[in-house]
Amino acid sequence: MPPDIDVDVQAVGRLETAATQVASALAALESQIVSAGDVPSGAFGHLPFASDMLRAKYAEQVTGGVELFGAANAAFGRVADALADTAEAYEGTEQDLDAGFKTIQSGLPG
């Protein structure tokens, strides 16, 4: 006989909420990184080659940061979606089991 599985559906829901909040926080950080990438043209000085090199490296870092935070945001969004689906599936299973027990009980002589 397979072991009973006891799932705390509310805990799964709390994990979903936490993952959604992390995704939102990462999205906010991503937008701050985009804002940080908006610097005036003279922000790196006016030295031949050096200023252009610094500006290019800074832009590269900003682009990489935006990509990383975007990927993390998407990953936590997928985690939140999976947890929501899991909680919904467990709730449905519990409801089906309750309905089955009620059906069985209603058929038993009282």
C-alpha atoms as a PDB file:
ATOM      1  CA  MET A   1       0.000   0.000   0.000  1.00  0.00           C
ATOM      2  CA  PRO A   2       1.474   3.379  -0.961  1.00  0.00           C
ATOM      3  CA  PRO A   3       2.223   5.798   1.876  1.00  0.00           C
ATOM      4  CA  ASP A   4      -0.236   8.560   2.636  1.00  0.00           C
ATOM      5  CA  ILE A   5       0.815  11.965   1.442  1.00  0.00           C
ATOM      6  CA  ASP A   6      -0.181  14.868   3.636  1.00  0.00           C
ATOM      7  CA  VAL A   7       0.196  18.220   1.913  1.00  0.00           C
ATOM      8  CA  ASP A   8      -0.249  21.582   3.595  1.00  0.00           C
ATOM      9  CA  VAL A   9      -2.009  23.367   0.739  1.00  0.00           C
ATOM     10  CA  GLN A  10      -1.888  26.686   2.607  1.00  0.00           C
ATOM     11  CA  ALA A  11       1.905  26.358   2.882  1.00  0.00           C
ATOM     12  CA  VAL A  12       2.127  25.776  -0.865  1.00  0.00           C
ATOM     13  CA  GLY A  13      -0.001  28.903  -1.323  1.00  0.00           C
ATOM     14  CA  ARG A  14       2.327  30.876   0.942  1.00  0.00           C
ATOM     15  CA  LEU A  15       5.292  29.695  -1.119  1.00  0.00           C
ATOM     16  CA  GLU A  16       3.492  30.847  -4.259  1.00  0.00           C
ATOM     17  CA  THR A  17       2.936  34.278  -2.696  1.00  0.00           C
ATOM     18  CA  ALA A  18       6.598  34.482  -1.679  1.00  0.00           C
ATOM     19  CA  ALA A  19       7.786  33.512  -5.172  1.00  0.00           C
ATOM     20  CA  THR A  20       5.469  36.125  -6.700  1.00  0.00           C
ATOM     21  CA  GLN A  21       6.855  38.769  -4.340  1.00  0.00           C
ATOM     22  CA  VAL A  22      10.436  37.829  -5.220  1.00  0.00           C
ATOM     23  CA  ALA A  23       9.583  38.051  -8.928  1.00  0.00           C
ATOM     24  CA  SER A  24       8.109  41.525  -8.372  1.00  0.00           C
ATOM     25  CA  ALA A  25      11.166  42.655  -6.423  1.00  0.00           C
ATOM     26  CA  LEU A  26      13.451  41.375  -9.177  1.00  0.00           C
ATOM     27  CA  ALA A  27      11.382  43.220 -11.778  1.00  0.00           C
ATOM     28  CA  ALA A  28      11.788  46.419  -9.756  1.00  0.00           C
ATOM     29  CA  LEU A  29      15.555  45.878  -9.559  1.00  0.00           C
ATOM     30  CA  GLU A  30      15.656  45.210 -13.276  1.00  0.00           C
ATOM     31  CA  SER A  31      14.005  48.568 -13.982  1.00  0.00           C
ATOM     32  CA  GLN A  32      16.465  50.288 -11.619  1.00  0.00           C
ATOM     33  CA  ILE A  33      19.359  48.754 -13.535  1.00  0.00           C
ATOM     34  CA  VAL A  34      17.854  50.050 -16.782  1.00  0.00           C
ATOM     35  CA  SER A  35      17.631  53.506 -15.190  1.00  0.00           C
ATOM     36  CA  ALA A  36      21.230  53.248 -14.012  1.00  0.00           C
ATOM     37  CA  GLY A  37      22.250  52.611 -17.600  1.00  0.00           C
ATOM     38  CA  ASP A  38      20.895  55.990 -18.661  1.00  0.00           C
ATOM     39  CA  VAL A  39      23.945  58.171 -18.053  1.00  0.00           C
ATOM     40  CA  PRO A  40      24.901  61.460 -19.724  1.00  0.00           C
ATOM     41  CA  SER A  41      27.328  61.211 -22.625  1.00  0.00           C
ATOM     42  CA  GLY A  42      30.082  62.959 -20.668  1.00  0.00           C
ATOM     43  CA  ALA A  43      29.752  60.751 -17.591  1.00  0.00           C
ATOM     44  CA  PHE A  44      32.969  58.909 -18.427  1.00  0.00           C
ATOM     45  CA  GLY A  45      34.979  61.986 -19.276  1.00  0.00           C
ATOM     46  CA  HIS A  46      36.411  63.076 -22.573  1.00  0.00           C
ATOM     47  CA  LEU A  47      39.598  61.075 -22.862  1.00  0.00           C
ATOM     48  CA  PRO A  48      40.193  59.652 -26.327  1.00  0.00           C
ATOM     49  CA  PHE A  49      39.542  55.912 -26.456  1.00  0.00           C
ATOM     50  CA  ALA A  50      39.400  55.545 -22.644  1.00  0.00           C
ATOM     51  CA  SER A  51      36.028  57.278 -22.256  1.00  0.00           C
ATOM     52  CA  ASP A  52      34.507  55.274 -25.084  1.00  0.00           C
ATOM     53  CA  MET A  53      35.934  52.060 -23.663  1.00  0.00           C
ATOM     54  CA  LEU A  54      34.531  52.805 -20.186  1.00  0.00           C
ATOM     55  CA  ARG A  55      31.143  53.733 -21.633  1.00  0.00           C
ATOM     56  CA  ALA A  56      31.045  50.496 -23.660  1.00  0.00           C
ATOM     57  CA  LYS A  57      32.042  48.342 -20.664  1.00  0.00           C
ATOM     58  CA  TYR A  58      29.461  50.060 -18.479  1.00  0.00           C
ATOM     59  CA  ALA A  59      26.758  49.496 -21.111  1.00  0.00           C
ATOM     60  CA  GLU A  60      27.838  45.845 -21.321  1.00  0.00           C
ATOM     61  CA  GLN A  61      27.451  45.447 -17.553  1.00  0.00           C
ATOM     62  CA  VAL A  62      24.058  47.135 -17.561  1.00  0.00           C
ATOM     63  CA  THR A  63      22.858  44.907 -20.397  1.00  0.00           C
ATOM     64  CA  GLY A  64      24.130  41.812 -18.577  1.00  0.00           C
ATOM     65  CA  GLY A  65      22.443  42.897 -15.353  1.00  0.00           C
ATOM     66  CA  VAL A  66      19.154  43.497 -17.112  1.00  0.00           C
ATOM     67  CA  GLU A  67      19.344  40.054 -18.730  1.00  0.00           C
ATOM     68  CA  LEU A  68      20.191  38.334 -15.435  1.00  0.00           C
ATOM     69  CA  PHE A  69      17.483  40.052 -13.429  1.00  0.00           C
ATOM     70  CA  GLY A  70      14.999  39.458 -16.251  1.00  0.00           C
ATOM     71  CA  ALA A  71      15.852  35.752 -16.277  1.00  0.00           C
ATOM     72  CA  ALA A  72      15.570  35.528 -12.492  1.00  0.00           C
ATOM     73  CA  ASN A  73      12.229  37.347 -12.596  1.00  0.00           C
ATOM     74  CA  ALA A  74      10.939  34.937 -15.236  1.00  0.00           C
ATOM     75  CA  ALA A  75      12.216  31.916 -13.265  1.00  0.00           C
ATOM     76  CA  PHE A  76      10.479  32.998 -10.058  1.00  0.00           C
ATOM     77  CA  GLY A  77       7.343  33.718 -12.088  1.00  0.00           C
ATOM     78  CA  ARG A  78       7.427  30.150 -13.396  1.00  0.00           C
ATOM     79  CA  VAL A  79       7.962  28.833  -9.863  1.00  0.00           C
ATOM     80  CA  ALA A  80       4.966  30.845  -8.630  1.00  0.00           C
ATOM     81  CA  ASP A  81       2.828  29.517 -11.495  1.00  0.00           C
ATOM     82  CA  ALA A  82       3.888  25.926 -10.777  1.00  0.00           C
ATOM     83  CA  LEU A  83       3.120  26.334  -7.078  1.00  0.00           C
ATOM     84  CA  ALA A  84      -0.311  27.779  -7.915  1.00  0.00           C
ATOM     85  CA  ASP A  85      -1.013  24.802 -10.186  1.00  0.00           C
ATOM     86  CA  THR A  86       0.188  22.416  -7.473  1.00  0.00           C
ATOM     87  CA  ALA A  87      -2.026  23.980  -4.801  1.00  0.00           C
ATOM     88  CA  GLU A  88      -5.000  23.918  -7.164  1.00  0.00           C
ATOM     89  CA  ALA A  89      -4.398  20.260  -8.008  1.00  0.00           C
ATOM     90  CA  TYR A  90      -4.166  19.269  -4.346  1.00  0.00           C
ATOM     91  CA  GLU A  91      -7.309  21.236  -3.517  1.00  0.00           C
ATOM     92  CA  GLY A  92      -9.131  19.509  -6.364  1.00  0.00           C
ATOM     93  CA  THR A  93      -7.936  16.114  -5.171  1.00  0.00           C
ATOM     94  CA  GLU A  94      -9.076  16.857  -1.617  1.00  0.00           C
ATOM     95  CA  GLN A  95     -12.493  17.952  -2.882  1.00  0.00           C
ATOM     96  CA  ASP A  96     -12.801  14.828  -5.019  1.00  0.00           C
ATOM     97  CA  LEU A  97     -11.873  12.627  -2.054  1.00  0.00           C
ATOM     98  CA  ASP A  98     -14.384  14.393   0.189  1.00  0.00           C
ATOM     99  CA  ALA A  99     -17.085  13.979  -2.451  1.00  0.00           C
ATOM    100  CA  GLY A 100     -16.207  10.289  -2.807  1.00  0.00           C
ATOM    101  CA  PHE A 101     -16.420   9.681   0.937  1.00  0.00           C
ATOM    102  CA  LYS A 102     -19.760  11.514   1.101  1.00  0.00           C
ATOM    103  CA  THR A 103     -21.076   9.367  -1.745  1.00  0.00           C
ATOM    104  CA  ILE A 104     -19.932   6.209   0.001  1.00  0.00           C
ATOM    105  CA  GLN A 105     -21.439   7.340   3.310  1.00  0.00           C
ATOM    106  CA  SER A 106     -24.749   8.257   1.706  1.00  0.00           C
ATOM    107  CA  GLY A 107     -25.020   4.736   0.283  1.00  0.00           C
ATOM    108  CA  LEU A 108     -24.440   3.010   3.608  1.00  0.00           C
ATOM    109  CA  PRO A 109     -27.444   1.999   5.651  1.00  0.00           C
ATOM    110  CA  GLY A 110     -27.854   4.330   8.588  1.00  0.00           C
END
